[in-house]
Amino acid sequence: MKILILGAGGTGGYFGGRLHQGGADVTFLVREARAQHIASHGLMLESPKDKVTLQVKTVLAGQVKPEYDVVILACKAYDLASSIAAITPAMGTNNSAHTCVLPLLNGISHIATLDAAFGQQRVMGGVCQISATLTQDGVVKSMMDSHALVWGARDPAHAGLAQELGTPFANTVLDWRVSDTIMLDMWEKLTFLSTLAGMTCLMRASVGDILAAPGGAQAITRYLDACIAIATHEGYAPRSAAIERYRAMLCTPGSALTASMLRDLENGGPIEADHIVGCVLEKARAHGVDEGMLAVAFAHLKAYEVRRGRK
């Protein structure tokens, strides 16, 4: 199986590097500067458990050919349009190619965009759990001990390929599984992530600090309950085990937990406001669900984007 990974940053670089380390046929689609850095220094991975330098294959946008089985899309949601343009040559034509794309983006709205570009029969569903970044020295640095990836077929046409993808992952140190309920998995993650990002960004504080503030616990619970109701209206009611896990993570006094979006915001960078909070707010209004906390969080994030754009 041949795998193309868009980018060699935090998410794509780490998962792709571990696949290469396990013997998989992996190529990274990168910009010229990143390709030159990898050629000179290798793909450097760092985690709490190890440090490795890998000699990997790279390709530039103008060199991509339709010769891959799976394209792993690990970009930020606000870069989706340019990412689709970059991987289109690898996808070939709908009539002749078997290549499928596995997106690891936050949110749900990117699925419809990818379906429109390549057809549902060529777009899997996927979620991942990782906290990694690309340092100024070009190192893919993970801050977590565990790294999980879940994917699954959304169409019978790629069900076999989804299962086959497990073979290269079987030789890695990653936690992975093929899911028969991938859209439910995606909605469960969005339910939690929207609450965490929306609340920690709105309050500019960790979960523990929010809980210590008057009304903080009630605000988090109101946001989470709204997201659960939205997912349920969409036909993907979160499972009780997931809800219990999310409530525990969001209601632990003293917790230092924050969303990566808060770090992006505090660093003055771009954020996935529309894809993590805005899309959920839109669904809340469509289904008549309590939108109070979501609306305030989204307005806060968009005001930041306005201010950032002015600077």
Protein backbone atom coordinates (compact mmCIF):
# COMPACT_ATOMS: atom_id res chain seq x y z
CA MET A 1 0.00 0.00 0.00
CA LYS A 2 1.29 3.45 -0.97
CA ILE A 3 0.40 6.35 1.33
CA LEU A 4 0.70 10.09 0.63
CA ILE A 5 0.59 12.45 3.59
CA LEU A 6 -0.09 16.13 3.09
CA GLY A 7 2.46 18.01 5.15
CA ALA A 8 5.14 16.97 7.60
CA GLY A 9 4.12 19.13 10.53
CA GLY A 10 2.81 18.11 13.94
CA THR A 11 0.04 15.70 13.00
CA GLY A 12 1.07 14.52 9.53
CA GLY A 13 4.74 14.41 10.39
CA TYR A 14 4.23 12.36 13.52
CA PHE A 15 1.76 9.80 12.19
CA GLY A 16 3.58 9.56 8.87
CA GLY A 17 6.94 9.22 10.56
CA ARG A 18 5.71 6.37 12.72
CA LEU A 19 4.24 4.66 9.66
CA HIS A 20 7.59 4.97 7.86
CA GLN A 21 9.37 3.69 10.96
CA GLY A 22 7.11 0.63 10.85
CA GLY A 23 8.06 -0.10 7.25
CA ALA A 24 5.15 1.50 5.39
CA ASP A 25 5.57 3.07 1.94
CA VAL A 26 5.01 6.72 2.87
CA THR A 27 5.62 9.91 0.90
CA PHE A 28 5.17 13.42 2.29
CA LEU A 29 3.71 16.18 0.11
CA VAL A 30 5.47 19.30 1.38
CA ARG A 31 6.57 22.78 0.38
CA GLU A 32 10.04 23.27 -1.04
CA ALA A 33 11.58 24.68 2.14
CA ARG A 34 10.35 21.75 4.21
CA ALA A 35 11.55 19.30 1.56
CA GLN A 36 15.04 20.83 1.66
CA HIS A 37 15.12 20.71 5.46
CA ILE A 38 14.13 17.04 5.49
CA ALA A 39 16.70 16.25 2.80
CA SER A 40 19.43 17.86 4.89
CA HIS A 41 18.41 16.81 8.40
CA GLY A 42 15.91 13.98 8.00
CA LEU A 43 12.43 13.89 9.52
CA MET A 44 13.10 14.43 13.21
CA LEU A 45 10.52 13.10 15.68
CA GLU A 46 10.53 13.71 19.41
CA SER A 47 8.12 12.34 22.01
CA PRO A 48 8.27 11.88 25.79
CA LYS A 49 9.55 8.36 25.09
CA ASP A 50 12.07 8.73 22.27
CA LYS A 51 13.87 10.80 19.65
CA VAL A 52 14.39 9.50 16.13
CA THR A 53 15.59 10.83 12.80
CA LEU A 54 14.12 9.21 9.69
CA GLN A 55 15.11 9.35 6.03
CA VAL A 56 11.78 9.74 4.26
CA LYS A 57 10.49 10.43 0.76
CA THR A 58 9.07 13.86 -0.10
CA VAL A 59 7.33 15.27 -3.15
CA LEU A 60 6.41 18.81 -4.21
CA ALA A 61 3.01 19.90 -5.47
CA GLY A 62 4.00 19.89 -9.13
CA GLN A 63 5.41 16.38 -8.90
CA VAL A 64 2.36 14.53 -7.53
CA LYS A 65 0.98 11.63 -9.57
CA PRO A 66 -2.10 9.40 -9.08
CA GLU A 67 -0.15 6.45 -7.71
CA TYR A 68 -1.30 6.25 -4.10
CA ASP A 69 -3.89 4.11 -2.33
CA VAL A 70 -4.58 6.53 0.52
CA VAL A 71 -4.00 10.26 0.95
CA ILE A 72 -3.91 11.30 4.61
CA LEU A 73 -5.05 14.89 4.97
CA ALA A 74 -3.76 16.38 8.22
CA CYS A 75 -4.09 20.11 7.55
CA LYS A 76 -5.84 22.77 9.60
CA ALA A 77 -9.47 23.22 8.60
CA TYR A 78 -8.88 26.80 7.41
CA ASP A 79 -6.35 25.43 4.89
CA LEU A 80 -8.78 22.91 3.40
CA ALA A 81 -9.27 24.63 0.02
CA SER A 82 -5.55 24.89 -0.73
CA SER A 83 -5.02 21.35 0.54
CA ILE A 84 -7.65 19.96 -1.82
CA ALA A 85 -5.90 21.70 -4.70
CA ALA A 86 -2.59 20.20 -3.62
CA ILE A 87 -3.81 16.59 -3.40
CA THR A 88 -6.10 16.62 -6.46
CA PRO A 89 -3.38 15.32 -8.83
CA ALA A 90 -2.85 12.36 -6.49
CA MET A 91 -6.54 11.50 -6.54
CA GLY A 92 -6.72 11.04 -10.32
CA THR A 93 -10.17 10.99 -11.94
CA ASN A 94 -13.33 9.67 -10.34
CA ASN A 95 -13.71 7.14 -13.15
CA SER A 96 -10.23 5.63 -13.15
CA ALA A 97 -8.61 5.98 -9.73
CA HIS A 98 -9.16 3.99 -6.57
CA THR A 99 -7.37 6.45 -4.26
CA CYS A 100 -9.22 7.48 -1.09
CA VAL A 101 -8.60 10.44 1.17
CA LEU A 102 -8.50 10.06 4.94
CA PRO A 103 -9.04 13.48 6.56
CA LEU A 104 -7.84 14.06 10.13
CA LEU A 105 -9.26 17.57 10.46
CA ASN A 106 -11.20 18.94 13.40
CA GLY A 107 -14.94 19.32 13.00
CA ILE A 108 -17.48 17.88 10.58
CA SER A 109 -18.00 20.45 7.81
CA HIS A 110 -14.91 19.40 5.83
CA ILE A 111 -16.59 16.08 4.96
CA ALA A 112 -19.17 17.75 2.71
CA THR A 113 -16.45 19.81 1.03
CA LEU A 114 -14.33 16.73 0.32
CA ASP A 115 -17.37 14.78 -0.91
CA ALA A 116 -18.08 17.58 -3.37
CA ALA A 117 -14.48 17.52 -4.60
CA PHE A 118 -13.90 13.76 -4.87
CA GLY A 119 -17.21 11.95 -4.26
CA GLN A 120 -18.38 10.25 -1.07
CA GLN A 121 -17.11 6.88 -2.32
CA ARG A 122 -13.55 8.23 -2.03
CA VAL A 123 -13.70 10.02 1.34
CA MET A 124 -13.26 8.11 4.60
CA GLY A 125 -13.97 9.49 8.05
CA GLY A 126 -11.24 9.90 10.63
CA VAL A 127 -10.35 11.34 14.01
CA CYS A 128 -7.06 11.52 15.85
CA GLN A 129 -5.78 12.34 19.31
CA ILE A 130 -2.40 14.00 19.37
CA SER A 131 -0.73 17.10 20.78
CA ALA A 132 2.22 17.83 18.55
CA THR A 133 3.88 20.79 16.92
CA LEU A 134 6.65 21.62 14.46
CA THR A 135 9.39 23.49 16.31
CA GLN A 136 11.45 26.31 14.86
CA ASP A 137 14.28 23.80 14.42
CA GLY A 138 12.10 21.61 12.22
CA VAL A 139 11.47 18.91 14.84
CA VAL A 140 8.05 17.22 15.00
CA LYS A 141 7.58 17.31 18.77
CA SER A 142 4.81 15.44 20.55
CA MET A 143 3.84 16.34 24.10
CA MET A 144 1.82 13.16 24.73
CA ASP A 145 2.75 9.59 25.63
CA SER A 146 -0.08 8.12 23.54
CA HIS A 147 -1.20 8.93 20.01
CA ALA A 148 -4.49 7.56 18.74
CA LEU A 149 -6.01 7.42 15.28
CA VAL A 150 -9.43 6.06 14.29
CA TRP A 151 -10.76 5.78 10.77
CA GLY A 152 -13.59 4.05 8.98
CA ALA A 153 -15.54 3.69 5.76
CA ARG A 154 -18.40 6.05 4.99
CA ASP A 155 -19.25 4.24 1.76
CA PRO A 156 -19.18 0.53 0.83
CA ALA A 157 -16.83 1.38 -2.07
CA HIS A 158 -13.88 1.93 0.28
CA ALA A 159 -14.78 -0.45 3.12
CA GLY A 160 -12.12 -2.94 2.03
CA LEU A 161 -9.44 -0.27 1.76
CA ALA A 162 -10.30 1.02 5.23
CA GLN A 163 -9.65 -2.44 6.64
CA GLU A 164 -6.49 -2.90 4.57
CA LEU A 165 -5.05 0.34 5.96
CA GLY A 166 -4.73 -1.42 9.29
CA THR A 167 -1.85 -3.53 7.94
CA PRO A 168 0.79 -0.74 7.84
CA PHE A 169 -0.45 0.64 11.17
CA ALA A 170 -0.07 -2.76 12.83
CA ASN A 171 3.73 -2.37 12.81
CA THR A 172 3.71 1.01 14.57
CA VAL A 173 3.68 2.19 18.20
CA LEU A 174 0.45 4.07 17.55
CA ASP A 175 -2.95 3.33 19.05
CA TRP A 176 -5.34 2.78 16.15
CA ARG A 177 -8.56 1.07 15.17
CA VAL A 178 -10.93 0.77 12.24
CA SER A 179 -14.41 1.94 13.23
CA ASP A 180 -17.80 0.83 11.95
CA THR A 181 -19.31 4.02 13.39
CA ILE A 182 -16.84 6.64 12.24
CA MET A 183 -19.32 9.50 11.86
CA LEU A 184 -20.48 8.90 15.44
CA ASP A 185 -16.82 8.94 16.53
CA MET A 186 -16.38 12.26 14.75
CA TRP A 187 -19.47 13.79 16.33
CA GLU A 188 -18.39 12.63 19.78
CA LYS A 189 -15.01 14.29 19.36
CA LEU A 190 -16.61 17.51 18.09
CA THR A 191 -18.99 17.54 21.07
CA PHE A 192 -16.06 17.53 23.46
CA LEU A 193 -13.69 19.70 21.41
CA SER A 194 -16.20 22.45 20.76
CA THR A 195 -16.95 22.65 24.48
CA LEU A 196 -13.29 22.67 25.48
CA ALA A 197 -12.19 25.15 22.81
CA GLY A 198 -15.22 27.39 23.10
CA MET A 199 -15.03 27.67 26.88
CA THR A 200 -11.26 27.90 27.42
CA CYS A 201 -10.95 30.51 24.67
CA LEU A 202 -13.94 32.48 25.88
CA MET A 203 -12.64 32.56 29.45
CA ARG A 204 -8.93 32.65 28.47
CA ALA A 205 -8.42 30.08 31.19
CA SER A 206 -7.93 26.38 31.92
CA VAL A 207 -10.79 24.07 32.86
CA GLY A 208 -9.71 24.23 36.51
CA ASP A 209 -9.67 28.03 36.53
CA ILE A 210 -13.11 28.19 34.92
CA LEU A 211 -14.53 25.75 37.47
CA ALA A 212 -13.09 27.88 40.30
CA ALA A 213 -14.94 30.96 39.03
CA PRO A 214 -18.54 31.75 40.06
CA GLY A 215 -20.87 30.19 37.49
CA GLY A 216 -18.01 28.52 35.65
CA ALA A 217 -19.16 24.94 36.15
CA GLN A 218 -22.69 25.84 35.04
CA ALA A 219 -21.36 27.53 31.90
CA ILE A 220 -19.31 24.49 30.89
CA THR A 221 -22.22 22.15 31.55
CA ARG A 222 -24.60 24.33 29.54
CA TYR A 223 -22.22 24.34 26.57
CA LEU A 224 -21.63 20.59 26.71
CA ASP A 225 -25.33 19.78 27.07
CA ALA A 226 -26.08 21.91 24.00
CA CYS A 227 -23.46 20.04 21.95
CA ILE A 228 -24.85 16.68 23.07
CA ALA A 229 -28.34 17.77 22.02
CA ILE A 230 -27.07 18.97 18.63
CA ALA A 231 -25.27 15.70 17.90
CA THR A 232 -28.40 13.81 18.90
CA HIS A 233 -30.57 15.87 16.55
CA GLU A 234 -28.06 15.15 13.77
CA GLY A 235 -28.61 11.42 14.33
CA TYR A 236 -25.36 10.77 16.21
CA ALA A 237 -26.29 10.71 19.88
CA PRO A 238 -23.05 10.41 21.86
CA ARG A 239 -22.68 7.13 23.71
CA SER A 240 -23.00 7.17 27.51
CA ALA A 241 -19.36 6.16 28.03
CA ALA A 242 -18.18 9.10 25.93
CA ILE A 243 -20.45 11.54 27.77
CA GLU A 244 -19.23 10.32 31.16
CA ARG A 245 -15.62 10.68 30.02
CA TYR A 246 -16.18 14.20 28.72
CA ARG A 247 -17.99 15.33 31.86
CA ALA A 248 -15.14 13.98 33.98
CA MET A 249 -12.52 15.81 31.90
CA LEU A 250 -14.48 19.06 31.90
CA CYS A 251 -15.47 18.98 35.57
CA THR A 252 -12.20 18.13 37.33
CA PRO A 253 -11.25 20.85 39.85
CA GLY A 254 -7.74 22.15 39.37
CA SER A 255 -7.41 20.72 35.86
CA ALA A 256 -4.80 22.47 33.70
CA LEU A 257 -6.56 21.29 30.52
CA THR A 258 -6.96 23.82 27.71
CA ALA A 259 -7.63 23.57 23.99
CA SER A 260 -4.86 24.01 21.44
CA MET A 261 -7.04 26.77 19.97
CA LEU A 262 -6.39 28.83 23.11
CA ARG A 263 -2.65 28.49 22.57
CA ASP A 264 -3.08 29.52 18.93
CA LEU A 265 -5.15 32.51 20.00
CA GLU A 266 -2.71 33.63 22.68
CA ASN A 267 0.13 33.35 20.16
CA GLY A 268 -1.74 35.56 17.70
CA GLY A 269 -2.17 32.80 15.13
CA PRO A 270 -5.09 31.69 12.94
CA ILE A 271 -7.81 29.63 14.63
CA GLU A 272 -10.47 27.13 13.56
CA ALA A 273 -13.37 29.20 14.89
CA ASP A 274 -15.81 28.37 12.08
CA HIS A 275 -15.05 24.66 12.06
CA ILE A 276 -15.10 23.91 15.80
CA VAL A 277 -17.60 26.43 17.16
CA GLY A 278 -19.33 28.12 14.23
CA CYS A 279 -20.56 24.92 12.57
CA VAL A 280 -21.99 23.68 15.88
CA LEU A 281 -23.73 27.02 16.48
CA GLU A 282 -25.28 26.79 13.01
CA LYS A 283 -26.65 23.35 13.86
CA ALA A 284 -27.97 24.61 17.20
CA ARG A 285 -29.99 27.29 15.44
CA ALA A 286 -31.28 24.81 12.85
CA HIS A 287 -32.51 22.42 15.55
CA GLY A 288 -33.72 25.00 18.06
CA VAL A 289 -31.14 23.98 20.67
CA ASP A 290 -29.95 26.33 23.42
CA GLU A 291 -27.31 28.44 21.65
CA GLY A 292 -26.46 30.86 24.45
CA MET A 293 -22.93 29.78 25.33
CA LEU A 294 -22.05 28.82 21.76
CA ALA A 295 -23.15 32.20 20.40
CA VAL A 296 -21.08 34.13 22.93
CA ALA A 297 -18.01 31.91 22.38
CA PHE A 298 -18.28 32.25 18.60
CA ALA A 299 -18.66 36.04 18.77
CA HIS A 300 -15.57 36.18 20.95
CA LEU A 301 -13.53 34.12 18.47
CA LYS A 302 -14.71 36.11 15.45
CA ALA A 303 -13.90 39.39 17.21
CA TYR A 304 -10.37 38.06 17.70
CA GLU A 305 -10.17 37.26 13.97
CA VAL A 306 -11.33 40.77 13.10
CA ARG A 307 -8.73 42.29 15.38
CA ARG A 308 -6.02 39.97 14.06
CA GLY A 309 -6.93 40.85 10.47
CA ARG A 310 -6.66 44.55 11.26
CA LYS A 311 -3.16 44.05 12.67
